[in-house]
Every structure is written in C-alpha cells, then in structure tokens.
C-alpha cells in the first residue's frame, strides 16, 4: 500500500474514532443516571485523553496498552485479544511527538486492553494484570498526603466547594456551580480521596432539566478540563513531597475563603473537533 494511501486510511480511521467518542458523549449525558456513571468513569481515568476516556467509557475494569503491560512483566500474546480501539500520538525514533504540517500533534489508531479481557484469555495472570493496571490509575502516596495535596490545589486554583456559596451575596449561576461540583468530584476520584459513586441532588437535577443537551456536553467537557488541571497540580505536590515536603504543602485546606473567588478557567491543550472540545453550537 502506498504511503499516501496508508496515511489517508489512518486519518479516516482516526476521525471515525473521534465521531464515535462524540456519539458516546451524547449518549452518556442523555439521562442523569448515565451522566453520573460518566462522571465516575472520568474521575477514575482522568489521566488519559478525553477522546480515549470516552472510547473506554463503560469498561468496568482498568485498561492499558499492551506496551504498558509488557513493560511491567506481562508477556502474553495480545494479538489474541480484541482490545479497544483508541487514538494515540505518533512518535519518532527518538521518542519525540511528531507534528503535522499545521503544527498539531499527529495521531494514529491503537489499542488498549482491559483487565477483564486479559483475565478471561489468560486466567493464570489475572491477578498480575490487575496489579499492573492499578499502577496506571492509582496513586501510591498515603491517603493524608493525597487529601492535603488535593485541597491545597483547590485553594490555589479557587475551585471552591459550591456549598460555601450559599452565604455569598453574589452566587455563580446554577450551571457554573454544578460544573464546579462535578470537577471537584472528578479530581478527588483521580487522587483517590473520594471514590464514592457520584449522585445528583434534587437541585442538580433541576439545573440539568433547564439545560439543553449541547450545554450539558459543554459543561462536562469544561468540568473535565478543570479536573485535569487540578490533577496535574496534585501530581506536582505529591512529587514535591517525595523530595521533602514543606509545612505549607502538608496543610489541609478545608475552609472556604471569606469572599467569592473568581471561577477558575480551564483550557484543553489538544485541538479537537468542536464537540470533542466541548463547545456549544
């Protein structure tokens, strides 16, 4: 197959997966129950790209690439498995991410594999696969350190607890409050601080009823972007802890500020189609 033809096929396959991710997002926010499940899934897999997060949505067990499993000691033949198609960056021989003519990262179609599928095909390595996958998604730091790092990052980024705003003279809009609530839950789940199932309150449900589907998709995308930004801050703090934490880094920030902070804004680094970026019509 000529190089140009192969590149065009790869491009079309990539856009097929992007469209599939957009459809899964629309379906996942079509009811409060499905949306709650999406929020929980997002928190668990916050450290993978949004498109791949949506493509793996609904897979109960942890997922990782065959390369990741093999690097950690699993040498089974992954070609026997079906896997889940995802989008991954293209790297050159020196390990640098390649860019296209417009300066955007190049992507190609790849696969990840769930622990459940590996366990069914190779039951003898089921436990090993579970332990390997946990290192991909679970923080190794102590709970108190993870908790302190999470609340410290919330404070620094003004990601306030919506409950605190009840005493504010000027409260953010209901959809902004819900967006922040969702982002906080995702970030806490990512850090392993709160892994309880997310549930909408009666007020949350009323807010959702007053929003159209596109606005809900946009709210989810913004909440996820903010949660990922918080997650990066948590990771930095935990990394600093390893080299000697300061008293400031060890403090737990659980109290609201005396006045309403500015709402933190989040952006996404990767250029995506309009819906994948979370933009409304």
C-alpha atoms as a PDB file:
ATOM      1  CA  UNK A   1       0.000   0.000   0.000  1.00  0.00           C
ATOM      2  CA  UNK A   2       1.480   3.409  -0.986  1.00  0.00           C
ATOM      3  CA  UNK A   3       2.496   5.679   1.880  1.00  0.00           C
ATOM      4  CA  UNK A   4      -0.052   8.355   0.927  1.00  0.00           C
ATOM      5  CA  UNK A   5      -2.873   5.816   0.841  1.00  0.00           C
ATOM      6  CA  UNK A   6      -1.866   4.397   4.220  1.00  0.00           C
ATOM      7  CA  UNK A   7      -1.770   7.890   5.748  1.00  0.00           C
ATOM      8  CA  UNK A   8      -5.212   8.721   4.374  1.00  0.00           C
ATOM      9  CA  UNK A   9      -6.627   5.467   5.772  1.00  0.00           C
ATOM     10  CA  UNK A  10      -5.116   6.257   9.166  1.00  0.00           C
ATOM     11  CA  UNK A  11      -6.610   9.751   9.066  1.00  0.00           C
ATOM     12  CA  UNK A  12     -10.065   8.433   8.221  1.00  0.00           C
ATOM     13  CA  UNK A  13      -9.833   5.794  10.959  1.00  0.00           C
ATOM     14  CA  UNK A  14      -8.847   8.494  13.444  1.00  0.00           C
ATOM     15  CA  UNK A  15     -11.838  10.650  12.525  1.00  0.00           C
ATOM     16  CA  UNK A  16     -14.092   7.593  12.805  1.00  0.00           C
ATOM     17  CA  UNK A  17     -12.976   7.156  16.402  1.00  0.00           C
ATOM     18  CA  UNK A  18     -13.444  10.869  17.115  1.00  0.00           C
ATOM     19  CA  UNK A  19     -17.008  10.642  15.821  1.00  0.00           C
ATOM     20  CA  UNK A  20     -17.577   7.517  17.909  1.00  0.00           C
ATOM     21  CA  UNK A  21     -16.356   9.347  21.012  1.00  0.00           C
ATOM     22  CA  UNK A  22     -18.713  12.259  20.285  1.00  0.00           C
ATOM     23  CA  UNK A  23     -21.661   9.858  19.948  1.00  0.00           C
ATOM     24  CA  UNK A  24     -20.739   8.141  23.204  1.00  0.00           C
ATOM     25  CA  UNK A  25     -20.661  11.525  24.932  1.00  0.00           C
ATOM     26  CA  UNK A  26     -24.136  12.386  23.646  1.00  0.00           C
ATOM     27  CA  UNK A  27     -25.450   9.044  24.864  1.00  0.00           C
ATOM     28  CA  UNK A  28     -23.661   9.314  28.212  1.00  0.00           C
ATOM     29  CA  UNK A  29     -25.322  12.624  29.129  1.00  0.00           C
ATOM     30  CA  UNK A  30     -28.776  11.642  27.847  1.00  0.00           C
ATOM     31  CA  UNK A  31     -30.037  10.819  31.354  1.00  0.00           C
ATOM     32  CA  UNK A  32     -28.944  11.741  34.902  1.00  0.00           C
ATOM     33  CA  UNK A  33     -28.107   8.111  35.713  1.00  0.00           C
ATOM     34  CA  UNK A  34     -25.863   7.753  32.661  1.00  0.00           C
ATOM     35  CA  UNK A  35     -24.250  11.114  33.359  1.00  0.00           C
ATOM     36  CA  UNK A  36     -23.439  10.060  36.926  1.00  0.00           C
ATOM     37  CA  UNK A  37     -21.720   6.965  35.585  1.00  0.00           C
ATOM     38  CA  UNK A  38     -19.711   9.051  33.114  1.00  0.00           C
ATOM     39  CA  UNK A  39     -18.536  11.354  35.904  1.00  0.00           C
ATOM     40  CA  UNK A  40     -17.357   8.353  37.942  1.00  0.00           C
ATOM     41  CA  UNK A  41     -15.562   6.844  34.930  1.00  0.00           C
ATOM     42  CA  UNK A  42     -13.914  10.170  34.140  1.00  0.00           C
ATOM     43  CA  UNK A  43     -12.528  10.510  37.645  1.00  0.00           C
ATOM     44  CA  UNK A  44     -11.036   7.016  37.522  1.00  0.00           C
ATOM     45  CA  UNK A  45      -9.336   7.610  34.155  1.00  0.00           C
ATOM     46  CA  UNK A  46      -8.641  11.314  34.305  1.00  0.00           C
ATOM     47  CA  UNK A  47      -5.005  10.818  33.286  1.00  0.00           C
ATOM     48  CA  UNK A  48      -5.849   9.644  29.763  1.00  0.00           C
ATOM     49  CA  UNK A  49      -7.033  11.859  26.907  1.00  0.00           C
ATOM     50  CA  UNK A  50     -10.671  12.878  26.681  1.00  0.00           C
ATOM     51  CA  UNK A  51     -11.339  11.044  23.430  1.00  0.00           C
ATOM     52  CA  UNK A  52      -9.850   7.789  24.726  1.00  0.00           C
ATOM     53  CA  UNK A  53     -11.655   8.266  28.016  1.00  0.00           C
ATOM     54  CA  UNK A  54     -14.931   8.345  26.113  1.00  0.00           C
ATOM     55  CA  UNK A  55     -13.934   5.403  23.902  1.00  0.00           C
ATOM     56  CA  UNK A  56     -13.268   3.286  27.007  1.00  0.00           C
ATOM     57  CA  UNK A  57     -16.342   4.559  28.872  1.00  0.00           C
ATOM     58  CA  UNK A  58     -18.420   1.654  30.138  1.00  0.00           C
ATOM     59  CA  UNK A  59     -15.475  -0.722  30.514  1.00  0.00           C
ATOM     60  CA  UNK A  60     -15.611  -1.657  34.193  1.00  0.00           C
ATOM     61  CA  UNK A  61     -12.017  -2.786  34.742  1.00  0.00           C
ATOM     62  CA  UNK A  62      -8.828  -0.778  34.282  1.00  0.00           C
ATOM     63  CA  UNK A  63      -7.296  -0.552  30.812  1.00  0.00           C
ATOM     64  CA  UNK A  64      -3.768  -0.072  29.478  1.00  0.00           C
ATOM     65  CA  UNK A  65      -1.790  -0.639  26.291  1.00  0.00           C
ATOM     66  CA  UNK A  66      -0.007  -3.909  25.564  1.00  0.00           C
ATOM     67  CA  UNK A  67       3.256  -1.962  25.764  1.00  0.00           C
ATOM     68  CA  UNK A  68       2.454  -0.876  29.312  1.00  0.00           C
ATOM     69  CA  UNK A  69       1.552  -4.398  30.419  1.00  0.00           C
ATOM     70  CA  UNK A  70       4.686  -5.834  28.792  1.00  0.00           C
ATOM     71  CA  UNK A  71       6.941  -3.195  30.320  1.00  0.00           C
ATOM     72  CA  UNK A  72       5.685  -4.358  33.703  1.00  0.00           C
ATOM     73  CA  UNK A  73       6.270  -8.047  33.127  1.00  0.00           C
ATOM     74  CA  UNK A  74       3.242  -9.405  31.243  1.00  0.00           C
ATOM     75  CA  UNK A  75       4.479 -11.308  28.170  1.00  0.00           C
ATOM     76  CA  UNK A  76       1.256 -12.863  26.846  1.00  0.00           C
ATOM     77  CA  UNK A  77       0.303 -12.701  23.147  1.00  0.00           C
ATOM     78  CA  UNK A  78      -2.010  -9.687  22.963  1.00  0.00           C
ATOM     79  CA  UNK A  79      -2.769 -10.340  19.284  1.00  0.00           C
ATOM     80  CA  UNK A  80      -5.258 -12.945  20.502  1.00  0.00           C
ATOM     81  CA  UNK A  81      -7.307 -10.261  22.234  1.00  0.00           C
ATOM     82  CA  UNK A  82      -9.918  -7.966  20.700  1.00  0.00           C
ATOM     83  CA  UNK A  83      -8.907  -4.869  22.640  1.00  0.00           C
ATOM     84  CA  UNK A  84     -10.460  -1.408  22.406  1.00  0.00           C
ATOM     85  CA  UNK A  85      -9.540   0.971  19.603  1.00  0.00           C
ATOM     86  CA  UNK A  86      -8.184   4.325  20.804  1.00  0.00           C
ATOM     87  CA  UNK A  87      -6.211   7.247  19.386  1.00  0.00           C
ATOM     88  CA  UNK A  88      -2.557   7.634  20.303  1.00  0.00           C
ATOM     89  CA  UNK A  89       0.182  10.136  19.376  1.00  0.00           C
ATOM     90  CA  UNK A  90       2.832   9.293  16.782  1.00  0.00           C
ATOM     91  CA  UNK A  91       6.451   9.436  17.990  1.00  0.00           C
ATOM     92  CA  UNK A  92       9.674   9.457  16.016  1.00  0.00           C
ATOM     93  CA  UNK A  93      12.605   7.097  16.657  1.00  0.00           C
ATOM     94  CA  UNK A  94      13.986   9.491  19.295  1.00  0.00           C
ATOM     95  CA  UNK A  95      10.731   9.479  21.248  1.00  0.00           C
ATOM     96  CA  UNK A  96       9.593  12.966  20.218  1.00  0.00           C
ATOM     97  CA  UNK A  97       5.932  13.563  19.368  1.00  0.00           C
ATOM     98  CA  UNK A  98       5.542  14.199  15.646  1.00  0.00           C
ATOM     99  CA  UNK A  99       3.601  17.182  14.285  1.00  0.00           C
ATOM    100  CA  UNK A 100       1.644  17.632  11.074  1.00  0.00           C
ATOM    101  CA  UNK A 101       2.067  20.482   8.599  1.00  0.00           C
ATOM    102  CA  UNK A 102      -0.260  22.699  10.670  1.00  0.00           C
ATOM    103  CA  UNK A 103       1.770  22.219  13.829  1.00  0.00           C
ATOM    104  CA  UNK A 104      -0.699  19.900  15.551  1.00  0.00           C
ATOM    105  CA  UNK A 105       0.337  16.507  17.004  1.00  0.00           C
ATOM    106  CA  UNK A 106      -0.007  13.511  14.699  1.00  0.00           C
ATOM    107  CA  UNK A 107      -2.284  10.718  15.860  1.00  0.00           C
ATOM    108  CA  UNK A 108      -2.855   7.122  14.853  1.00  0.00           C
ATOM    109  CA  UNK A 109      -5.191   4.319  15.813  1.00  0.00           C
ATOM    110  CA  UNK A 110      -4.017   1.969  18.555  1.00  0.00           C
ATOM    111  CA  UNK A 111      -5.483  -0.378  21.142  1.00  0.00           C
ATOM    112  CA  UNK A 112      -5.789  -0.722  24.883  1.00  0.00           C
ATOM    113  CA  UNK A 113      -6.793  -3.867  26.757  1.00  0.00           C
ATOM    114  CA  UNK A 114      -8.980  -4.285  29.813  1.00  0.00           C
ATOM    115  CA  UNK A 115      -8.008  -6.372  32.807  1.00  0.00           C
ATOM    116  CA  UNK A 116     -11.272  -8.294  32.408  1.00  0.00           C
ATOM    117  CA  UNK A 117     -10.432  -9.357  28.844  1.00  0.00           C
ATOM    118  CA  UNK A 118      -6.880 -10.332  29.807  1.00  0.00           C
ATOM    119  CA  UNK A 119      -8.190 -12.348  32.747  1.00  0.00           C
ATOM    120  CA  UNK A 120     -10.638 -14.246  30.554  1.00  0.00           C
ATOM    121  CA  UNK A 121      -7.984 -15.078  27.967  1.00  0.00           C
ATOM    122  CA  UNK A 122      -5.110 -15.696  30.389  1.00  0.00           C
ATOM    123  CA  UNK A 123      -6.566 -16.558  33.811  1.00  0.00           C
ATOM    124  CA  UNK A 124      -3.120 -17.517  35.111  1.00  0.00           C
ATOM    125  CA  UNK A 125      -2.027 -13.846  35.019  1.00  0.00           C
ATOM    126  CA  UNK A 126      -5.310 -12.283  36.146  1.00  0.00           C
ATOM    127  CA  UNK A 127      -4.016 -11.027  39.476  1.00  0.00           C
ATOM    128  CA  UNK A 128      -0.768  -9.798  37.942  1.00  0.00           C
ATOM    129  CA  UNK A 129      -2.672  -7.859  35.279  1.00  0.00           C
ATOM    130  CA  UNK A 130      -4.826  -6.212  37.938  1.00  0.00           C
ATOM    131  CA  UNK A 131      -1.788  -5.092  39.923  1.00  0.00           C
ATOM    132  CA  UNK A 132      -0.061  -3.722  36.821  1.00  0.00           C
ATOM    133  CA  UNK A 133      -3.138  -1.768  35.741  1.00  0.00           C
ATOM    134  CA  UNK A 134      -3.512  -0.285  39.220  1.00  0.00           C
ATOM    135  CA  UNK A 135      -0.132   1.398  38.862  1.00  0.00           C
ATOM    136  CA  UNK A 136      -1.568   3.216  35.828  1.00  0.00           C
ATOM    137  CA  UNK A 137      -4.506   4.738  37.707  1.00  0.00           C
ATOM    138  CA  UNK A 138      -3.863   4.555  41.466  1.00  0.00           C
ATOM    139  CA  UNK A 139      -1.796   6.983  43.471  1.00  0.00           C
ATOM    140  CA  UNK A 140       0.861   5.352  45.636  1.00  0.00           C
ATOM    141  CA  UNK A 141       1.104   8.205  48.156  1.00  0.00           C
ATOM    142  CA  UNK A 142      -0.507   7.995  51.586  1.00  0.00           C
ATOM    143  CA  UNK A 143      -4.165   8.997  51.803  1.00  0.00           C
ATOM    144  CA  UNK A 144      -3.484  12.022  54.015  1.00  0.00           C
ATOM    145  CA  UNK A 145      -0.851  13.302  51.580  1.00  0.00           C
ATOM    146  CA  UNK A 146      -3.227  12.877  48.641  1.00  0.00           C
ATOM    147  CA  UNK A 147      -6.010  14.616  50.530  1.00  0.00           C
ATOM    148  CA  UNK A 148      -3.807  17.547  51.576  1.00  0.00           C
ATOM    149  CA  UNK A 149      -2.428  17.948  48.044  1.00  0.00           C
ATOM    150  CA  UNK A 150      -5.951  17.925  46.569  1.00  0.00           C
ATOM    151  CA  UNK A 151      -7.410  20.548  48.913  1.00  0.00           C
ATOM    152  CA  UNK A 152      -4.298  22.707  48.629  1.00  0.00           C
ATOM    153  CA  UNK A 153      -4.683  22.686  44.837  1.00  0.00           C
ATOM    154  CA  UNK A 154      -8.398  23.508  45.117  1.00  0.00           C
ATOM    155  CA  UNK A 155      -7.488  26.533  47.242  1.00  0.00           C
ATOM    156  CA  UNK A 156      -4.718  27.729  44.940  1.00  0.00           C
ATOM    157  CA  UNK A 157      -6.933  27.430  41.858  1.00  0.00           C
ATOM    158  CA  UNK A 158     -10.083  28.838  43.509  1.00  0.00           C
ATOM    159  CA  UNK A 159     -12.015  25.646  42.841  1.00  0.00           C
ATOM    160  CA  UNK A 160     -14.424  26.306  45.658  1.00  0.00           C
ATOM    161  CA  UNK A 161     -16.957  23.969  47.234  1.00  0.00           C
ATOM    162  CA  UNK A 162     -20.356  25.043  45.819  1.00  0.00           C
ATOM    163  CA  UNK A 163     -21.884  24.620  49.289  1.00  0.00           C
ATOM    164  CA  UNK A 164     -19.844  27.578  50.530  1.00  0.00           C
ATOM    165  CA  UNK A 165     -21.522  29.933  48.069  1.00  0.00           C
ATOM    166  CA  UNK A 166     -24.851  29.789  49.927  1.00  0.00           C
ATOM    167  CA  UNK A 167     -23.658  32.680  52.090  1.00  0.00           C
ATOM    168  CA  UNK A 168     -22.241  34.740  49.217  1.00  0.00           C
ATOM    169  CA  UNK A 169     -24.050  37.925  48.226  1.00  0.00           C
ATOM    170  CA  UNK A 170     -23.429  37.200  44.553  1.00  0.00           C
ATOM    171  CA  UNK A 171     -23.544  33.499  43.717  1.00  0.00           C
ATOM    172  CA  UNK A 172     -22.392  31.970  40.404  1.00  0.00           C
ATOM    173  CA  UNK A 173     -25.109  30.608  38.113  1.00  0.00           C
ATOM    174  CA  UNK A 174     -26.576  27.187  38.843  1.00  0.00           C
ATOM    175  CA  UNK A 175     -24.843  25.554  35.877  1.00  0.00           C
ATOM    176  CA  UNK A 176     -21.449  27.003  36.940  1.00  0.00           C
ATOM    177  CA  UNK A 177     -21.954  25.661  40.453  1.00  0.00           C
ATOM    178  CA  UNK A 178     -22.806  22.218  39.109  1.00  0.00           C
ATOM    179  CA  UNK A 179     -19.820  22.323  36.749  1.00  0.00           C
ATOM    180  CA  UNK A 180     -17.501  23.068  39.676  1.00  0.00           C
ATOM    181  CA  UNK A 181     -19.095  20.332  41.782  1.00  0.00           C
ATOM    182  CA  UNK A 182     -18.512  17.795  39.005  1.00  0.00           C
ATOM    183  CA  UNK A 183     -14.912  18.942  38.514  1.00  0.00           C
ATOM    184  CA  UNK A 184     -14.170  18.607  42.241  1.00  0.00           C
ATOM    185  CA  UNK A 185     -15.592  15.093  42.307  1.00  0.00           C
ATOM    186  CA  UNK A 186     -13.547  14.040  39.272  1.00  0.00           C
ATOM    187  CA  UNK A 187     -10.349  15.456  40.788  1.00  0.00           C
ATOM    188  CA  UNK A 188     -10.954  13.819  44.165  1.00  0.00           C
ATOM    189  CA  UNK A 189     -11.645  10.497  42.498  1.00  0.00           C
ATOM    190  CA  UNK A 190      -8.451  10.829  40.452  1.00  0.00           C
ATOM    191  CA  UNK A 191      -6.434  11.484  43.626  1.00  0.00           C
ATOM    192  CA  UNK A 192      -8.125   8.581  45.431  1.00  0.00           C
ATOM    193  CA  UNK A 193      -9.622  10.939  48.009  1.00  0.00           C
ATOM    194  CA  UNK A 194     -13.275  10.203  47.201  1.00  0.00           C
ATOM    195  CA  UNK A 195     -14.230   7.148  45.158  1.00  0.00           C
ATOM    196  CA  UNK A 196     -17.888   7.039  46.199  1.00  0.00           C
ATOM    197  CA  UNK A 197     -20.445   6.988  43.404  1.00  0.00           C
ATOM    198  CA  UNK A 198     -21.473  10.431  42.254  1.00  0.00           C
ATOM    199  CA  UNK A 199     -25.142  11.310  42.740  1.00  0.00           C
ATOM    200  CA  UNK A 200     -27.045  14.385  41.625  1.00  0.00           C
ATOM    201  CA  UNK A 201     -29.126  16.222  44.206  1.00  0.00           C
ATOM    202  CA  UNK A 202     -32.653  17.475  43.549  1.00  0.00           C
ATOM    203  CA  UNK A 203     -31.218  20.939  42.842  1.00  0.00           C
ATOM    204  CA  UNK A 204     -28.703  19.435  40.405  1.00  0.00           C
ATOM    205  CA  UNK A 205     -31.474  17.629  38.542  1.00  0.00           C
ATOM    206  CA  UNK A 206     -33.449  20.859  38.271  1.00  0.00           C
ATOM    207  CA  UNK A 207     -30.383  22.565  36.803  1.00  0.00           C
ATOM    208  CA  UNK A 208     -29.971  19.788  34.237  1.00  0.00           C
ATOM    209  CA  UNK A 209     -33.630  19.992  33.241  1.00  0.00           C
ATOM    210  CA  UNK A 210     -33.098  23.655  32.379  1.00  0.00           C
ATOM    211  CA  UNK A 211     -30.135  22.879  30.098  1.00  0.00           C
ATOM    212  CA  UNK A 212     -30.164  21.588  26.531  1.00  0.00           C
ATOM    213  CA  UNK A 213     -28.058  18.513  25.617  1.00  0.00           C
ATOM    214  CA  UNK A 214     -25.277  20.517  23.950  1.00  0.00           C
ATOM    215  CA  UNK A 215     -24.909  22.721  27.018  1.00  0.00           C
ATOM    216  CA  UNK A 216     -24.627  19.648  29.222  1.00  0.00           C
ATOM    217  CA  UNK A 217     -21.904  18.234  26.964  1.00  0.00           C
ATOM    218  CA  UNK A 218     -20.073  21.543  27.169  1.00  0.00           C
ATOM    219  CA  UNK A 219     -20.407  21.616  30.960  1.00  0.00           C
ATOM    220  CA  UNK A 220     -18.970  18.091  31.191  1.00  0.00           C
ATOM    221  CA  UNK A 221     -16.009  18.990  28.978  1.00  0.00           C
ATOM    222  CA  UNK A 222     -15.206  22.133  30.977  1.00  0.00           C
ATOM    223  CA  UNK A 223     -15.522  20.246  34.265  1.00  0.00           C
ATOM    224  CA  UNK A 224     -13.198  17.526  32.981  1.00  0.00           C
ATOM    225  CA  UNK A 225     -10.637  20.061  31.755  1.00  0.00           C
ATOM    226  CA  UNK A 226     -10.649  21.807  35.136  1.00  0.00           C
ATOM    227  CA  UNK A 227     -10.366  18.485  36.983  1.00  0.00           C
ATOM    228  CA  UNK A 228      -7.379  17.509  34.842  1.00  0.00           C
ATOM    229  CA  UNK A 229      -5.731  20.834  35.638  1.00  0.00           C
ATOM    230  CA  UNK A 230      -6.289  20.177  39.338  1.00  0.00           C
ATOM    231  CA  UNK A 231      -4.949  16.652  38.888  1.00  0.00           C
ATOM    232  CA  UNK A 232      -1.711  17.975  37.426  1.00  0.00           C
ATOM    233  CA  UNK A 233      -1.366  20.268  40.434  1.00  0.00           C
ATOM    234  CA  UNK A 234      -1.921  17.339  42.788  1.00  0.00           C
ATOM    235  CA  UNK A 235       0.710  15.305  40.955  1.00  0.00           C
ATOM    236  CA  UNK A 236       3.224  18.138  41.288  1.00  0.00           C
ATOM    237  CA  UNK A 237       2.614  18.423  45.012  1.00  0.00           C
ATOM    238  CA  UNK A 238       2.930  14.694  45.575  1.00  0.00           C
ATOM    239  CA  UNK A 239       6.152  14.711  43.587  1.00  0.00           C
ATOM    240  CA  UNK A 240       7.471  17.523  45.779  1.00  0.00           C
ATOM    241  CA  UNK A 241       6.522  15.537  48.878  1.00  0.00           C
ATOM    242  CA  UNK A 242       8.964  12.810  47.845  1.00  0.00           C
ATOM    243  CA  UNK A 243      11.855  15.249  47.877  1.00  0.00           C
ATOM    244  CA  UNK A 244      10.938  16.766  51.236  1.00  0.00           C
ATOM    245  CA  UNK A 245       7.547  18.390  51.919  1.00  0.00           C
ATOM    246  CA  UNK A 246       7.285  21.795  53.483  1.00  0.00           C
ATOM    247  CA  UNK A 247       4.824  22.641  56.237  1.00  0.00           C
ATOM    248  CA  UNK A 248       2.756  24.570  53.733  1.00  0.00           C
ATOM    249  CA  UNK A 249       2.471  21.551  51.455  1.00  0.00           C
ATOM    250  CA  UNK A 250       1.309  19.380  54.373  1.00  0.00           C
ATOM    251  CA  UNK A 251      -1.544  21.676  55.402  1.00  0.00           C
ATOM    252  CA  UNK A 252      -5.099  20.608  54.695  1.00  0.00           C
ATOM    253  CA  UNK A 253      -7.255  23.328  53.166  1.00  0.00           C
ATOM    254  CA  UNK A 254     -10.839  22.562  54.124  1.00  0.00           C
ATOM    255  CA  UNK A 255     -12.188  26.031  54.841  1.00  0.00           C
ATOM    256  CA  UNK A 256     -13.804  28.429  52.359  1.00  0.00           C
ATOM    257  CA  UNK A 257     -12.404  31.827  51.556  1.00  0.00           C
ATOM    258  CA  UNK A 258     -14.211  34.790  53.095  1.00  0.00           C
ATOM    259  CA  UNK A 259     -15.314  36.137  49.756  1.00  0.00           C
ATOM    260  CA  UNK A 260     -16.296  34.735  46.412  1.00  0.00           C
ATOM    261  CA  UNK A 261     -13.218  33.841  44.323  1.00  0.00           C
ATOM    262  CA  UNK A 262     -13.005  34.106  40.588  1.00  0.00           C
ATOM    263  CA  UNK A 263     -14.102  30.967  38.785  1.00  0.00           C
ATOM    264  CA  UNK A 264     -11.051  29.029  37.560  1.00  0.00           C
ATOM    265  CA  UNK A 265     -10.899  28.714  33.816  1.00  0.00           C
ATOM    266  CA  UNK A 266      -9.675  25.550  32.113  1.00  0.00           C
ATOM    267  CA  UNK A 267      -8.413  25.010  28.624  1.00  0.00           C
ATOM    268  CA  UNK A 268      -7.551  21.865  26.746  1.00  0.00           C
ATOM    269  CA  UNK A 269      -4.188  21.576  25.060  1.00  0.00           C
ATOM    270  CA  UNK A 270      -5.121  19.162  22.318  1.00  0.00           C
ATOM    271  CA  UNK A 271      -7.035  20.553  19.310  1.00  0.00           C
ATOM    272  CA  UNK A 272     -10.205  18.555  18.829  1.00  0.00           C
ATOM    273  CA  UNK A 273     -13.353  18.807  16.702  1.00  0.00           C
ATOM    274  CA  UNK A 274     -15.927  21.256  18.032  1.00  0.00           C
ATOM    275  CA  UNK A 275     -17.942  18.765  20.093  1.00  0.00           C
ATOM    276  CA  UNK A 276     -14.891  16.991  21.401  1.00  0.00           C
ATOM    277  CA  UNK A 277     -13.633  20.344  22.698  1.00  0.00           C
ATOM    278  CA  UNK A 278     -16.905  20.911  24.477  1.00  0.00           C
ATOM    279  CA  UNK A 279     -18.015  23.963  22.525  1.00  0.00           C
ATOM    280  CA  UNK A 280     -21.675  24.633  22.121  1.00  0.00           C
ATOM    281  CA  UNK A 281     -23.417  25.474  18.933  1.00  0.00           C
END
